[in-house]
Amino acid sequence: MAVFEKKTKKLELQIDEFLDKVLNGALVFKQGMKYYLMKQTDLFQERLKEIDTMENDADTLRRTIETKLYMHTLIPEHRGDVLGILESSDKVLNKTQETLYQFDVEAPEIMPELETLFLELTDVSISAVESMVSAIRAYFRDVNLVRDFINKTIFFEKESDKVSDKIKRMIFQNDAIDLAKKTHIRYYAYHIESIADMAEDVCDRLAIAVIKRYG
């Protein structure tokens, strides 16, 4: 059974639009990381502007959805869960924007031998976000699919842990790198990994919402 009825169809479309922005922001982050590592500064700056716009638009759209849910008392039995899911997924988008921005501000020097691992870490972390978005869409349309997408998110989160751990071990086992640089690179591996962690947290909230709906 879907959450939405005909009278809330417009709200459903707006939530879909919001989720599109979360997903597209994650994909722009992925592109931005590729351009950063390839030292294609102009393309990186374009992606930075794109993700900033998406983050602002998503915030505006989320507030519009929240206002409608309260003012028109739409889906009252699910309102709290829906708001929590939207707010937590918005934080995932914020994290991608914030992390890309920090790459721009601090310009960490990623050693050539770590570039492939950073791309892999980015890939699995963004895959977690993609599965998270699919899980949220399934919650509104076909709850039977939610479990599969949550399991995919968990899988990619665990993969991000493995890749991040590999990066950290390579850094700290290299005596040619000074401690300050090791710490700086580790910091960025942690923040990319955190994107997947936050996606898993959203899915934890989503799993509880499903239990509350169906017991």
N, C-alpha and C. Protein backbone atom coordinates (compact mmCIF):
# COMPACT_ATOMS: atom_id res chain seq x y z
N MET A 1 0.84 -1.19 0.00
CA MET A 1 0.00 0.00 0.00
C MET A 1 0.88 1.25 0.00
N ALA A 2 0.60 2.18 -0.88
CA ALA A 2 1.37 3.42 -0.97
C ALA A 2 0.93 4.39 0.11
N VAL A 3 1.82 5.27 0.50
CA VAL A 3 1.50 6.28 1.51
C VAL A 3 0.54 7.32 0.95
N PHE A 4 0.72 7.68 -0.31
CA PHE A 4 -0.02 8.79 -0.89
C PHE A 4 -1.33 8.36 -1.53
N GLU A 5 -2.31 9.25 -1.47
CA GLU A 5 -3.57 9.10 -2.17
C GLU A 5 -3.63 10.17 -3.24
N LYS A 6 -4.73 10.22 -4.00
CA LYS A 6 -4.84 11.17 -5.10
C LYS A 6 -4.70 12.61 -4.61
N LYS A 7 -5.27 12.92 -3.45
CA LYS A 7 -5.27 14.30 -2.96
C LYS A 7 -3.88 14.77 -2.55
N THR A 8 -2.97 13.83 -2.38
CA THR A 8 -1.60 14.22 -2.00
C THR A 8 -0.61 13.95 -3.14
N LYS A 9 -1.14 13.85 -4.36
CA LYS A 9 -0.28 13.54 -5.50
C LYS A 9 0.76 14.63 -5.73
N LYS A 10 0.37 15.89 -5.55
CA LYS A 10 1.31 16.99 -5.75
C LYS A 10 2.44 16.92 -4.72
N LEU A 11 2.09 16.56 -3.51
CA LEU A 11 3.09 16.40 -2.46
C LEU A 11 4.06 15.28 -2.83
N GLU A 12 3.53 14.20 -3.37
CA GLU A 12 4.38 13.08 -3.78
C GLU A 12 5.38 13.54 -4.85
N LEU A 13 4.92 14.35 -5.79
CA LEU A 13 5.79 14.85 -6.85
C LEU A 13 6.89 15.75 -6.28
N GLN A 14 6.53 16.54 -5.28
CA GLN A 14 7.53 17.42 -4.66
C GLN A 14 8.58 16.62 -3.88
N ILE A 15 8.13 15.56 -3.21
CA ILE A 15 9.09 14.70 -2.51
C ILE A 15 10.00 14.01 -3.51
N ASP A 16 9.44 13.59 -4.64
CA ASP A 16 10.26 13.00 -5.70
C ASP A 16 11.30 14.00 -6.20
N GLU A 17 10.88 15.24 -6.37
CA GLU A 17 11.80 16.28 -6.83
C GLU A 17 12.91 16.51 -5.81
N PHE A 18 12.54 16.50 -4.53
CA PHE A 18 13.53 16.66 -3.46
C PHE A 18 14.55 15.51 -3.51
N LEU A 19 14.06 14.29 -3.66
CA LEU A 19 14.96 13.13 -3.71
C LEU A 19 15.85 13.17 -4.95
N ASP A 20 15.31 13.72 -6.05
CA ASP A 20 16.14 13.90 -7.25
C ASP A 20 17.34 14.79 -6.94
N LYS A 21 17.10 15.83 -6.16
CA LYS A 21 18.18 16.77 -5.83
C LYS A 21 19.22 16.12 -4.92
N VAL A 22 18.76 15.31 -3.98
CA VAL A 22 19.70 14.57 -3.12
C VAL A 22 20.56 13.64 -3.97
N LEU A 23 19.91 12.91 -4.87
CA LEU A 23 20.62 11.96 -5.73
C LEU A 23 21.57 12.69 -6.68
N ASN A 24 21.09 13.73 -7.33
CA ASN A 24 21.93 14.47 -8.28
C ASN A 24 23.09 15.15 -7.58
N GLY A 25 22.85 15.62 -6.35
CA GLY A 25 23.94 16.21 -5.58
C GLY A 25 25.04 15.21 -5.31
N ALA A 26 24.65 13.98 -5.00
CA ALA A 26 25.63 12.92 -4.75
C ALA A 26 26.43 12.62 -6.02
N LEU A 27 25.74 12.59 -7.16
CA LEU A 27 26.43 12.31 -8.42
C LEU A 27 27.37 13.45 -8.81
N VAL A 28 26.96 14.67 -8.53
CA VAL A 28 27.83 15.82 -8.79
C VAL A 28 29.06 15.77 -7.89
N PHE A 29 28.87 15.36 -6.65
CA PHE A 29 30.00 15.18 -5.74
C PHE A 29 30.99 14.17 -6.33
N LYS A 30 30.46 13.07 -6.83
CA LYS A 30 31.31 12.03 -7.42
C LYS A 30 32.12 12.59 -8.59
N GLN A 31 31.47 13.36 -9.45
CA GLN A 31 32.18 13.99 -10.56
C GLN A 31 33.22 14.99 -10.06
N GLY A 32 32.81 15.77 -9.06
CA GLY A 32 33.72 16.77 -8.51
C GLY A 32 34.99 16.14 -7.96
N MET A 33 34.86 15.00 -7.28
CA MET A 33 36.03 14.32 -6.76
C MET A 33 36.94 13.83 -7.88
N LYS A 34 36.34 13.34 -8.95
CA LYS A 34 37.13 12.89 -10.09
C LYS A 34 37.93 14.05 -10.68
N TYR A 35 37.27 15.19 -10.84
CA TYR A 35 37.96 16.35 -11.42
C TYR A 35 39.01 16.91 -10.47
N TYR A 36 38.76 16.82 -9.17
CA TYR A 36 39.76 17.28 -8.21
C TYR A 36 41.03 16.45 -8.32
N LEU A 37 40.86 15.13 -8.35
CA LEU A 37 42.01 14.24 -8.41
C LEU A 37 42.74 14.34 -9.75
N MET A 38 41.99 14.69 -10.80
CA MET A 38 42.59 14.86 -12.12
C MET A 38 43.17 16.26 -12.30
N LYS A 39 43.01 17.09 -11.24
CA LYS A 39 43.51 18.47 -11.25
C LYS A 39 42.89 19.30 -12.38
N GLN A 40 41.63 19.01 -12.69
CA GLN A 40 40.89 19.80 -13.67
C GLN A 40 40.09 20.86 -12.90
N THR A 41 40.77 21.92 -12.55
CA THR A 41 40.25 22.91 -11.61
C THR A 41 38.95 23.55 -12.09
N ASP A 42 38.88 23.91 -13.36
CA ASP A 42 37.68 24.59 -13.86
C ASP A 42 36.44 23.70 -13.74
N LEU A 43 36.59 22.44 -14.12
CA LEU A 43 35.47 21.50 -14.03
C LEU A 43 35.10 21.24 -12.57
N PHE A 44 36.11 21.17 -11.71
CA PHE A 44 35.84 21.00 -10.28
C PHE A 44 35.02 22.18 -9.75
N GLN A 45 35.40 23.39 -10.11
CA GLN A 45 34.68 24.57 -9.65
C GLN A 45 33.24 24.60 -10.16
N GLU A 46 33.04 24.10 -11.37
CA GLU A 46 31.67 24.03 -11.90
C GLU A 46 30.82 23.09 -11.06
N ARG A 47 31.39 21.96 -10.69
CA ARG A 47 30.64 21.00 -9.87
C ARG A 47 30.38 21.56 -8.48
N LEU A 48 31.32 22.33 -7.98
CA LEU A 48 31.13 22.96 -6.67
C LEU A 48 29.95 23.92 -6.71
N LYS A 49 29.83 24.69 -7.76
CA LYS A 49 28.70 25.62 -7.90
C LYS A 49 27.39 24.85 -8.06
N GLU A 50 27.44 23.76 -8.83
CA GLU A 50 26.25 22.95 -9.05
C GLU A 50 25.71 22.37 -7.75
N ILE A 51 26.61 21.79 -6.97
CA ILE A 51 26.15 21.14 -5.73
C ILE A 51 25.66 22.17 -4.72
N ASP A 52 26.25 23.36 -4.74
CA ASP A 52 25.79 24.43 -3.86
C ASP A 52 24.37 24.84 -4.22
N THR A 53 24.09 24.97 -5.51
CA THR A 53 22.73 25.31 -5.98
C THR A 53 21.74 24.22 -5.60
N MET A 54 22.13 22.97 -5.81
CA MET A 54 21.24 21.84 -5.48
C MET A 54 20.93 21.80 -3.99
N GLU A 55 21.95 22.05 -3.17
CA GLU A 55 21.74 22.03 -1.72
C GLU A 55 20.78 23.12 -1.29
N ASN A 56 20.93 24.31 -1.86
CA ASN A 56 20.01 25.41 -1.52
C ASN A 56 18.59 25.12 -2.00
N ASP A 57 18.47 24.60 -3.22
CA ASP A 57 17.15 24.27 -3.76
C ASP A 57 16.48 23.17 -2.94
N ALA A 58 17.26 22.19 -2.52
CA ALA A 58 16.70 21.09 -1.73
C ALA A 58 16.20 21.60 -0.38
N ASP A 59 16.95 22.51 0.25
CA ASP A 59 16.52 23.08 1.52
C ASP A 59 15.19 23.81 1.37
N THR A 60 15.08 24.59 0.31
CA THR A 60 13.84 25.34 0.05
C THR A 60 12.67 24.39 -0.19
N LEU A 61 12.91 23.37 -0.98
CA LEU A 61 11.86 22.40 -1.30
C LEU A 61 11.44 21.62 -0.05
N ARG A 62 12.41 21.25 0.77
CA ARG A 62 12.08 20.52 2.00
C ARG A 62 11.20 21.36 2.91
N ARG A 63 11.51 22.62 3.05
CA ARG A 63 10.70 23.50 3.89
C ARG A 63 9.28 23.65 3.33
N THR A 64 9.17 23.71 2.02
CA THR A 64 7.85 23.79 1.38
C THR A 64 7.03 22.55 1.68
N ILE A 65 7.67 21.39 1.59
CA ILE A 65 6.99 20.12 1.88
C ILE A 65 6.56 20.07 3.34
N GLU A 66 7.43 20.50 4.24
CA GLU A 66 7.11 20.50 5.66
C GLU A 66 5.92 21.39 5.95
N THR A 67 5.90 22.57 5.34
CA THR A 67 4.79 23.51 5.54
C THR A 67 3.48 22.89 5.07
N LYS A 68 3.49 22.25 3.92
CA LYS A 68 2.27 21.62 3.40
C LYS A 68 1.79 20.50 4.32
N LEU A 69 2.73 19.72 4.82
CA LEU A 69 2.35 18.62 5.71
C LEU A 69 1.65 19.13 6.97
N TYR A 70 2.10 20.26 7.49
CA TYR A 70 1.50 20.81 8.71
C TYR A 70 0.24 21.63 8.44
N MET A 71 0.31 22.50 7.44
CA MET A 71 -0.82 23.41 7.19
C MET A 71 -2.05 22.68 6.67
N HIS A 72 -1.83 21.65 5.86
CA HIS A 72 -2.96 20.94 5.25
C HIS A 72 -3.22 19.58 5.88
N THR A 73 -2.54 19.32 6.99
CA THR A 73 -2.68 18.06 7.72
C THR A 73 -2.70 16.85 6.78
N LEU A 74 -1.73 16.82 5.88
CA LEU A 74 -1.64 15.71 4.93
C LEU A 74 -0.94 14.52 5.58
N ILE A 75 -1.32 13.33 5.18
CA ILE A 75 -0.82 12.05 5.70
C ILE A 75 -0.43 12.15 7.19
N PRO A 76 -1.37 12.57 8.05
CA PRO A 76 -1.05 12.81 9.46
C PRO A 76 -0.46 11.61 10.18
N GLU A 77 -0.88 10.39 9.80
CA GLU A 77 -0.39 9.19 10.49
C GLU A 77 1.07 8.89 10.14
N HIS A 78 1.57 9.47 9.05
CA HIS A 78 2.95 9.22 8.64
C HIS A 78 3.81 10.49 8.67
N ARG A 79 3.22 11.60 9.05
CA ARG A 79 3.89 12.90 8.91
C ARG A 79 5.23 12.96 9.64
N GLY A 80 5.26 12.52 10.89
CA GLY A 80 6.50 12.59 11.66
C GLY A 80 7.61 11.79 11.03
N ASP A 81 7.28 10.59 10.55
CA ASP A 81 8.29 9.74 9.91
C ASP A 81 8.79 10.35 8.61
N VAL A 82 7.85 10.88 7.82
CA VAL A 82 8.23 11.50 6.55
C VAL A 82 9.15 12.69 6.78
N LEU A 83 8.81 13.53 7.74
CA LEU A 83 9.64 14.69 8.04
C LEU A 83 11.04 14.27 8.48
N GLY A 84 11.10 13.26 9.34
CA GLY A 84 12.40 12.78 9.82
C GLY A 84 13.25 12.22 8.70
N ILE A 85 12.63 11.48 7.79
CA ILE A 85 13.35 10.89 6.66
C ILE A 85 13.87 11.99 5.74
N LEU A 86 13.03 12.99 5.47
CA LEU A 86 13.45 14.08 4.58
C LEU A 86 14.59 14.89 5.21
N GLU A 87 14.45 15.21 6.48
CA GLU A 87 15.48 16.01 7.16
C GLU A 87 16.82 15.27 7.20
N SER A 88 16.79 13.98 7.49
CA SER A 88 18.04 13.23 7.59
C SER A 88 18.67 13.02 6.21
N SER A 89 17.85 12.85 5.18
CA SER A 89 18.42 12.71 3.83
C SER A 89 18.96 14.04 3.32
N ASP A 90 18.35 15.15 3.76
CA ASP A 90 18.87 16.48 3.42
C ASP A 90 20.26 16.67 4.02
N LYS A 91 20.47 16.11 5.21
CA LYS A 91 21.79 16.21 5.84
C LYS A 91 22.84 15.44 5.05
N VAL A 92 22.44 14.38 4.36
CA VAL A 92 23.38 13.64 3.51
C VAL A 92 23.84 14.54 2.37
N LEU A 93 22.88 15.23 1.74
CA LEU A 93 23.23 16.18 0.68
C LEU A 93 24.14 17.28 1.23
N ASN A 94 23.80 17.79 2.40
CA ASN A 94 24.64 18.83 3.03
C ASN A 94 26.07 18.32 3.22
N LYS A 95 26.20 17.05 3.60
CA LYS A 95 27.53 16.48 3.84
C LYS A 95 28.34 16.41 2.55
N THR A 96 27.70 16.05 1.44
CA THR A 96 28.43 16.01 0.18
C THR A 96 28.89 17.41 -0.22
N GLN A 97 28.01 18.38 -0.05
CA GLN A 97 28.36 19.77 -0.39
C GLN A 97 29.48 20.29 0.50
N GLU A 98 29.37 20.02 1.78
CA GLU A 98 30.38 20.48 2.74
C GLU A 98 31.74 19.83 2.47
N THR A 99 31.75 18.54 2.16
CA THR A 99 33.00 17.83 1.92
C THR A 99 33.69 18.35 0.66
N LEU A 100 32.92 18.55 -0.41
CA LEU A 100 33.50 19.08 -1.64
C LEU A 100 34.04 20.49 -1.41
N TYR A 101 33.31 21.26 -0.64
CA TYR A 101 33.75 22.63 -0.32
C TYR A 101 35.08 22.61 0.45
N GLN A 102 35.23 21.67 1.37
CA GLN A 102 36.47 21.59 2.14
C GLN A 102 37.66 21.19 1.27
N PHE A 103 37.41 20.37 0.25
CA PHE A 103 38.48 20.06 -0.70
C PHE A 103 38.93 21.34 -1.40
N ASP A 104 37.97 22.20 -1.71
CA ASP A 104 38.29 23.47 -2.38
C ASP A 104 39.07 24.39 -1.44
N VAL A 105 38.67 24.47 -0.19
CA VAL A 105 39.29 25.40 0.76
C VAL A 105 40.69 24.95 1.16
N GLU A 106 40.82 23.68 1.55
CA GLU A 106 42.10 23.20 2.10
C GLU A 106 43.01 22.56 1.06
N ALA A 107 42.45 22.20 -0.09
CA ALA A 107 43.23 21.62 -1.19
C ALA A 107 44.21 20.55 -0.73
N PRO A 108 43.72 19.46 -0.11
CA PRO A 108 44.64 18.41 0.35
C PRO A 108 45.38 17.78 -0.82
N GLU A 109 46.64 17.45 -0.58
CA GLU A 109 47.45 16.82 -1.61
C GLU A 109 47.30 15.31 -1.49
N ILE A 110 46.60 14.72 -2.46
CA ILE A 110 46.39 13.28 -2.46
C ILE A 110 47.49 12.64 -3.31
N MET A 111 48.28 11.78 -2.71
CA MET A 111 49.39 11.15 -3.41
C MET A 111 48.87 10.30 -4.57
N PRO A 112 49.61 10.24 -5.68
CA PRO A 112 49.17 9.47 -6.86
C PRO A 112 48.77 8.03 -6.54
N GLU A 113 49.51 7.38 -5.63
CA GLU A 113 49.21 5.99 -5.31
C GLU A 113 47.90 5.83 -4.53
N LEU A 114 47.35 6.93 -4.06
CA LEU A 114 46.08 6.89 -3.31
C LEU A 114 44.89 7.33 -4.15
N GLU A 115 45.14 7.85 -5.32
CA GLU A 115 44.05 8.42 -6.13
C GLU A 115 42.99 7.38 -6.48
N THR A 116 43.43 6.20 -6.89
CA THR A 116 42.47 5.14 -7.25
C THR A 116 41.62 4.74 -6.05
N LEU A 117 42.24 4.67 -4.88
CA LEU A 117 41.48 4.32 -3.67
C LEU A 117 40.50 5.41 -3.29
N PHE A 118 40.88 6.66 -3.46
CA PHE A 118 39.95 7.75 -3.17
C PHE A 118 38.77 7.73 -4.14
N LEU A 119 39.03 7.39 -5.40
CA LEU A 119 37.93 7.27 -6.36
C LEU A 119 37.01 6.11 -5.99
N GLU A 120 37.62 5.00 -5.54
CA GLU A 120 36.83 3.84 -5.11
C GLU A 120 36.00 4.18 -3.88
N LEU A 121 36.61 4.88 -2.94
CA LEU A 121 35.89 5.28 -1.73
C LEU A 121 34.71 6.18 -2.08
N THR A 122 34.95 7.11 -2.99
CA THR A 122 33.87 7.99 -3.44
C THR A 122 32.76 7.18 -4.10
N ASP A 123 33.15 6.24 -4.93
CA ASP A 123 32.17 5.44 -5.68
C ASP A 123 31.26 4.64 -4.75
N VAL A 124 31.85 3.94 -3.77
CA VAL A 124 31.03 3.11 -2.89
C VAL A 124 30.18 3.97 -1.95
N SER A 125 30.71 5.12 -1.53
CA SER A 125 29.94 6.00 -0.65
C SER A 125 28.73 6.57 -1.39
N ILE A 126 28.93 6.97 -2.64
CA ILE A 126 27.82 7.51 -3.43
C ILE A 126 26.84 6.40 -3.81
N SER A 127 27.33 5.19 -4.00
CA SER A 127 26.43 4.06 -4.24
C SER A 127 25.51 3.84 -3.05
N ALA A 128 26.04 4.07 -1.85
CA ALA A 128 25.20 3.97 -0.64
C ALA A 128 24.09 5.01 -0.67
N VAL A 129 24.42 6.22 -1.12
CA VAL A 129 23.41 7.28 -1.21
C VAL A 129 22.36 6.92 -2.27
N GLU A 130 22.80 6.39 -3.39
CA GLU A 130 21.86 6.00 -4.45
C GLU A 130 20.88 4.95 -3.93
N SER A 131 21.38 3.96 -3.21
CA SER A 131 20.51 2.92 -2.65
C SER A 131 19.58 3.50 -1.58
N MET A 132 20.09 4.45 -0.80
CA MET A 132 19.26 5.13 0.21
C MET A 132 18.08 5.84 -0.45
N VAL A 133 18.34 6.57 -1.52
CA VAL A 133 17.27 7.28 -2.23
C VAL A 133 16.25 6.29 -2.79
N SER A 134 16.73 5.19 -3.34
CA SER A 134 15.82 4.16 -3.86
C SER A 134 14.97 3.57 -2.74
N ALA A 135 15.57 3.39 -1.57
CA ALA A 135 14.82 2.86 -0.42
C ALA A 135 13.72 3.83 0.01
N ILE A 136 14.03 5.11 0.01
CA ILE A 136 13.02 6.11 0.39
C ILE A 136 11.89 6.14 -0.62
N ARG A 137 12.22 6.11 -1.90
CA ARG A 137 11.17 6.08 -2.93
C ARG A 137 10.28 4.85 -2.75
N ALA A 138 10.91 3.71 -2.44
CA ALA A 138 10.14 2.48 -2.25
C ALA A 138 9.20 2.60 -1.06
N TYR A 139 9.61 3.31 -0.03
CA TYR A 139 8.77 3.50 1.15
C TYR A 139 7.44 4.15 0.76
N PHE A 140 7.50 5.07 -0.18
CA PHE A 140 6.28 5.77 -0.60
C PHE A 140 5.48 5.01 -1.65
N ARG A 141 6.12 4.10 -2.38
CA ARG A 141 5.46 3.47 -3.52
C ARG A 141 5.21 1.97 -3.35
N ASP A 142 6.23 1.25 -2.91
CA ASP A 142 6.13 -0.20 -2.76
C ASP A 142 7.02 -0.64 -1.61
N VAL A 143 6.44 -0.71 -0.44
CA VAL A 143 7.22 -0.96 0.78
C VAL A 143 7.93 -2.31 0.75
N ASN A 144 7.46 -3.23 -0.11
CA ASN A 144 8.09 -4.54 -0.20
C ASN A 144 9.52 -4.47 -0.74
N LEU A 145 9.85 -3.37 -1.40
CA LEU A 145 11.19 -3.22 -1.97
C LEU A 145 12.17 -2.53 -1.02
N VAL A 146 11.65 -1.97 0.06
CA VAL A 146 12.49 -1.17 0.95
C VAL A 146 13.64 -2.00 1.52
N ARG A 147 13.34 -3.19 1.95
CA ARG A 147 14.35 -4.04 2.60
C ARG A 147 15.56 -4.27 1.69
N ASP A 148 15.29 -4.56 0.41
CA ASP A 148 16.39 -4.83 -0.53
C ASP A 148 17.31 -3.62 -0.66
N PHE A 149 16.72 -2.44 -0.78
CA PHE A 149 17.52 -1.23 -0.95
C PHE A 149 18.27 -0.86 0.34
N ILE A 150 17.65 -1.13 1.46
CA ILE A 150 18.35 -0.90 2.73
C ILE A 150 19.56 -1.82 2.83
N ASN A 151 19.38 -3.07 2.44
CA ASN A 151 20.51 -4.02 2.49
C ASN A 151 21.64 -3.60 1.56
N LYS A 152 21.30 -3.03 0.41
CA LYS A 152 22.32 -2.53 -0.51
C LYS A 152 23.08 -1.36 0.12
N THR A 153 22.33 -0.49 0.77
CA THR A 153 22.97 0.66 1.43
C THR A 153 23.95 0.18 2.49
N ILE A 154 23.53 -0.79 3.28
CA ILE A 154 24.40 -1.35 4.33
C ILE A 154 25.65 -1.98 3.71
N PHE A 155 25.46 -2.70 2.60
CA PHE A 155 26.60 -3.32 1.91
C PHE A 155 27.62 -2.26 1.48
N PHE A 156 27.15 -1.21 0.85
CA PHE A 156 28.06 -0.17 0.36
C PHE A 156 28.71 0.59 1.52
N GLU A 157 27.99 0.75 2.61
CA GLU A 157 28.58 1.41 3.78
C GLU A 157 29.74 0.58 4.32
N LYS A 158 29.56 -0.73 4.38
CA LYS A 158 30.64 -1.61 4.86
C LYS A 158 31.83 -1.58 3.90
N GLU A 159 31.54 -1.51 2.61
CA GLU A 159 32.63 -1.41 1.62
C GLU A 159 33.40 -0.10 1.80
N SER A 160 32.68 0.97 2.11
CA SER A 160 33.36 2.26 2.32
C SER A 160 34.28 2.18 3.54
N ASP A 161 33.85 1.46 4.56
CA ASP A 161 34.71 1.26 5.74
C ASP A 161 36.01 0.55 5.35
N LYS A 162 35.89 -0.47 4.52
CA LYS A 162 37.05 -1.26 4.11
C LYS A 162 38.03 -0.41 3.30
N VAL A 163 37.50 0.35 2.34
CA VAL A 163 38.38 1.17 1.50
C VAL A 163 39.03 2.27 2.32
N SER A 164 38.25 2.90 3.18
CA SER A 164 38.80 3.96 4.03
C SER A 164 39.89 3.41 4.94
N ASP A 165 39.67 2.23 5.48
CA ASP A 165 40.69 1.60 6.34
C ASP A 165 41.97 1.31 5.56
N LYS A 166 41.81 0.89 4.31
CA LYS A 166 42.97 0.61 3.47
C LYS A 166 43.78 1.89 3.22
N ILE A 167 43.07 2.98 2.97
CA ILE A 167 43.73 4.27 2.75
C ILE A 167 44.52 4.67 4.00
N LYS A 168 43.88 4.57 5.14
CA LYS A 168 44.53 4.98 6.39
C LYS A 168 45.76 4.13 6.69
N ARG A 169 45.67 2.82 6.44
CA ARG A 169 46.82 1.95 6.68
C ARG A 169 47.98 2.29 5.74
N MET A 170 47.66 2.56 4.49
CA MET A 170 48.71 2.92 3.54
C MET A 170 49.40 4.22 3.94
N ILE A 171 48.61 5.16 4.44
CA ILE A 171 49.17 6.46 4.84
C ILE A 171 50.10 6.29 6.05
N PHE A 172 49.59 5.65 7.08
CA PHE A 172 50.34 5.60 8.34
C PHE A 172 51.48 4.59 8.33
N GLN A 173 51.52 3.72 7.33
CA GLN A 173 52.64 2.80 7.20
C GLN A 173 53.76 3.38 6.33
N ASN A 174 53.51 4.55 5.78
CA ASN A 174 54.49 5.20 4.91
C ASN A 174 55.32 6.19 5.72
N ASP A 175 56.56 5.84 6.01
CA ASP A 175 57.41 6.69 6.83
C ASP A 175 57.89 7.94 6.10
N ALA A 176 57.68 7.98 4.79
CA ALA A 176 58.12 9.14 4.02
C ALA A 176 57.16 10.32 4.15
N ILE A 177 55.98 10.08 4.73
CA ILE A 177 54.98 11.14 4.87
C ILE A 177 55.02 11.65 6.31
N ASP A 178 55.07 12.97 6.47
CA ASP A 178 55.08 13.50 7.83
C ASP A 178 53.69 13.38 8.45
N LEU A 179 53.65 13.43 9.79
CA LEU A 179 52.41 13.18 10.53
C LEU A 179 51.31 14.15 10.17
N ALA A 180 51.65 15.42 9.97
CA ALA A 180 50.64 16.43 9.64
C ALA A 180 49.93 16.07 8.34
N LYS A 181 50.70 15.64 7.35
CA LYS A 181 50.11 15.28 6.05
C LYS A 181 49.29 14.00 6.18
N LYS A 182 49.80 13.05 6.96
CA LYS A 182 49.03 11.81 7.19
C LYS A 182 47.66 12.13 7.78
N THR A 183 47.66 12.99 8.79
CA THR A 183 46.42 13.36 9.46
C THR A 183 45.47 14.07 8.51
N HIS A 184 46.03 14.93 7.66
CA HIS A 184 45.21 15.69 6.72
C HIS A 184 44.52 14.77 5.72
N ILE A 185 45.28 13.82 5.16
CA ILE A 185 44.69 12.90 4.19
C ILE A 185 43.67 11.99 4.86
N ARG A 186 44.00 11.51 6.06
CA ARG A 186 43.08 10.65 6.82
C ARG A 186 41.74 11.36 7.06
N TYR A 187 41.83 12.65 7.35
CA TYR A 187 40.65 13.48 7.61
C TYR A 187 39.69 13.45 6.42
N TYR A 188 40.23 13.51 5.21
CA TYR A 188 39.38 13.53 4.01
C TYR A 188 38.82 12.15 3.68
N ALA A 189 39.59 11.11 3.95
CA ALA A 189 39.05 9.76 3.78
C ALA A 189 37.88 9.55 4.72
N TYR A 190 38.03 10.05 5.95
CA TYR A 190 36.96 9.92 6.95
C TYR A 190 35.69 10.64 6.49
N HIS A 191 35.83 11.82 5.93
CA HIS A 191 34.65 12.59 5.55
C HIS A 191 33.92 11.98 4.35
N ILE A 192 34.65 11.42 3.42
CA ILE A 192 33.97 10.74 2.31
C ILE A 192 33.27 9.49 2.83
N GLU A 193 33.94 8.76 3.69
CA GLU A 193 33.36 7.57 4.32
C GLU A 193 32.09 7.93 5.10
N SER A 194 32.08 9.11 5.72
CA SER A 194 30.94 9.54 6.54
C SER A 194 29.68 9.73 5.72
N ILE A 195 29.82 10.00 4.43
CA ILE A 195 28.64 10.12 3.57
C ILE A 195 27.86 8.81 3.56
N ALA A 196 28.59 7.70 3.42
CA ALA A 196 27.95 6.38 3.45
C ALA A 196 27.37 6.09 4.83
N ASP A 197 28.07 6.49 5.89
CA ASP A 197 27.57 6.30 7.25
C ASP A 197 26.23 7.00 7.44
N MET A 198 26.13 8.23 6.93
CA MET A 198 24.90 8.99 7.08
C MET A 198 23.77 8.38 6.26
N ALA A 199 24.11 7.84 5.09
CA ALA A 199 23.09 7.16 4.27
C ALA A 199 22.54 5.95 5.01
N GLU A 200 23.42 5.22 5.69
CA GLU A 200 22.98 4.07 6.48
C GLU A 200 22.09 4.53 7.64
N ASP A 201 22.43 5.65 8.26
CA ASP A 201 21.60 6.18 9.36
C ASP A 201 20.18 6.50 8.87
N VAL A 202 20.08 7.06 7.66
CA VAL A 202 18.76 7.35 7.09
C VAL A 202 17.99 6.05 6.92
N CYS A 203 18.66 5.02 6.45
CA CYS A 203 17.99 3.73 6.25
C CYS A 203 17.58 3.09 7.57
N ASP A 204 18.34 3.32 8.63
CA ASP A 204 17.93 2.84 9.96
C ASP A 204 16.61 3.49 10.36
N ARG A 205 16.51 4.80 10.12
CA ARG A 205 15.28 5.53 10.42
C ARG A 205 14.14 5.01 9.55
N LEU A 206 14.46 4.72 8.30
CA LEU A 206 13.46 4.23 7.36
C LEU A 206 12.93 2.87 7.79
N ALA A 207 13.83 2.01 8.24
CA ALA A 207 13.41 0.66 8.69
C ALA A 207 12.43 0.76 9.87
N ILE A 208 12.68 1.69 10.78
CA ILE A 208 11.78 1.90 11.92
C ILE A 208 10.43 2.40 11.43
N ALA A 209 10.45 3.31 10.44
CA ALA A 209 9.20 3.83 9.88
C ALA A 209 8.36 2.72 9.27
N VAL A 210 9.01 1.78 8.60
CA VAL A 210 8.29 0.65 8.00
C VAL A 210 7.67 -0.22 9.09
N ILE A 211 8.40 -0.47 10.16
CA ILE A 211 7.88 -1.27 11.27
C ILE A 211 6.67 -0.58 11.89
N LYS A 212 6.73 0.71 12.04
CA LYS A 212 5.62 1.47 12.63
C LYS A 212 4.37 1.41 11.74
N ARG A 213 4.59 1.35 10.43
CA ARG A 213 3.46 1.27 9.51
C ARG A 213 2.80 -0.10 9.51
N TYR A 214 3.63 -1.15 9.58
CA TYR A 214 3.10 -2.49 9.37
C TYR A 214 3.27 -3.42 10.58
N GLY A 215 3.96 -2.93 11.62
CA GLY A 215 4.12 -3.73 12.83
C GLY A 215 5.15 -4.85 12.69
